[in-house]
Protein backbone atom coordinates (compact mmCIF):
# COMPACT_ATOMS: atom_id res chain seq x y z
CA MET A 1 196.93 140.96 212.22
CA GLN A 2 196.99 143.88 214.63
CA LEU A 3 199.63 146.57 214.29
CA PRO A 4 200.29 148.70 217.39
CA ASN A 5 200.67 152.47 217.16
CA ARG A 6 203.22 154.44 219.19
CA GLU A 7 200.94 154.26 222.24
CA GLY A 8 200.61 150.47 221.96
CA THR A 9 196.98 150.59 220.84
CA PRO A 10 196.17 148.19 217.99
CA VAL A 11 195.12 149.91 214.75
CA ASP A 12 193.39 148.69 211.59
CA PRO A 13 196.11 147.50 209.19
CA VAL A 14 193.97 147.65 206.02
CA PRO A 15 194.72 151.28 204.99
CA PHE A 16 198.44 150.66 205.47
CA LEU A 17 198.31 147.44 203.44
CA VAL A 18 196.31 149.04 200.61
CA VAL A 19 198.67 152.01 200.31
CA THR A 20 201.72 149.73 200.48
CA ALA A 21 200.34 147.41 197.78
CA THR A 22 199.53 150.41 195.57
CA ALA A 23 203.04 151.79 196.10
CA PHE A 24 204.54 148.42 195.15
CA ALA A 25 202.45 148.19 191.99
CA THR A 26 203.25 151.78 190.99
CA CYS A 27 206.98 151.62 191.74
CA PHE A 28 207.59 148.35 189.94
CA ALA A 29 205.18 148.95 187.06
CA PHE A 30 206.53 152.37 186.10
CA GLY A 31 209.97 152.47 187.72
CA PRO A 32 212.07 150.02 185.68
CA ALA A 33 210.66 151.14 182.32
CA TYR A 34 210.94 154.79 183.30
CA PHE A 35 214.54 154.59 184.45
CA THR A 36 215.76 152.34 181.62
CA THR A 37 214.30 154.88 179.20
CA LEU A 38 216.38 157.52 180.96
CA GLY A 39 219.52 155.41 180.42
CA VAL A 40 219.84 153.63 183.76
CA GLY A 41 220.61 149.90 183.60
CA ILE A 42 217.96 147.40 184.63
CA ARG A 43 219.72 146.61 187.92
CA GLY A 44 219.91 150.29 188.79
CA ALA A 45 216.30 150.83 187.76
CA LEU A 46 215.14 147.97 189.97
CA LEU A 47 217.28 149.28 192.82
CA VAL A 48 215.84 152.80 192.54
CA SER A 49 212.31 151.37 192.29
CA GLY A 50 212.94 149.26 195.39
CA VAL A 51 214.26 152.24 197.34
CA ALA A 52 211.24 154.31 196.27
CA PHE A 53 208.95 151.49 197.40
CA LEU A 54 210.69 151.24 200.78
CA GLY A 55 210.36 155.00 201.24
CA ALA A 56 206.66 154.89 200.39
CA THR A 57 206.19 151.95 202.77
CA ALA A 58 207.93 153.81 205.60
CA ALA A 59 205.83 156.93 204.97
CA SER A 60 202.57 154.96 204.89
CA TYR A 61 203.51 153.07 208.08
CA TYR A 62 204.21 156.36 209.83
CA ARG A 63 200.95 157.91 208.62
CA PHE A 64 198.54 154.98 208.94
CA VAL A 65 199.99 152.97 211.83
CA TRP A 66 202.52 154.81 213.99
CA THR A 67 200.61 158.12 214.33
CA ALA A 68 197.11 156.65 214.08
CA GLY A 69 194.84 157.69 216.92
CA ALA A 70 191.28 158.43 217.87
CA GLU A 71 191.67 162.16 217.15
CA ARG A 72 192.14 161.38 213.43
CA ARG A 73 188.75 159.67 213.23
CA ALA A 74 186.71 162.84 213.73
CA GLU A 75 183.97 163.69 211.23
CA VAL A 76 185.28 165.71 208.30
CA PRO A 77 182.90 168.18 206.63
CA VAL A 78 181.63 167.22 203.17
CA ALA A 79 183.17 170.27 201.49
CA SER A 80 186.62 169.38 202.81
CA ARG A 81 186.29 165.76 201.73
CA TYR A 82 185.16 166.78 198.23
CA ARG A 83 187.99 169.31 197.88
CA ARG A 84 190.52 166.70 198.96
CA LEU A 85 189.04 164.13 196.56
CA VAL A 86 189.29 166.53 193.61
CA LEU A 87 192.86 167.42 194.56
CA VAL A 88 193.91 163.78 194.90
CA VAL A 89 192.38 162.90 191.52
CA ALA A 90 194.13 165.85 189.85
CA VAL A 91 197.49 164.96 191.41
CA GLY A 92 197.03 161.29 190.49
CA LEU A 93 196.27 162.10 186.87
CA ALA A 94 199.22 164.48 186.69
CA LEU A 95 201.53 161.79 188.08
CA VAL A 96 200.33 159.23 185.55
CA VAL A 97 200.92 161.71 182.71
CA LEU A 98 204.38 162.58 184.05
CA LEU A 99 205.29 158.92 184.46
CA ALA A 100 204.16 158.16 180.91
CA LEU A 101 206.09 161.02 179.24
CA PRO A 102 209.46 159.21 178.91
CA LEU A 103 207.69 156.21 177.42
CA VAL A 104 206.11 158.36 174.69
CA PHE A 105 209.11 160.49 173.68
């Protein structure tokens, strides 16, 4: 499966598919339980989770397919990659803690 970017050049779909699958798993694993704990009905919780998933899918398509180009494939210095990795891990852990708070209290 080849997805074309805005210039018509085919791009690798794997990063887009991985991010979209992760967004689906996150939205529908945490979303309904999170929102029903906050008092939203199950239909509303599923609707909000679905909208969040569609937003994440649109954002990942824009980032990994539509604006993908050769200029993004340049070598990134090790220090920048390490800093970004640490930041992503910290943000990910913070999100998991925040998503789990309504389930604990």
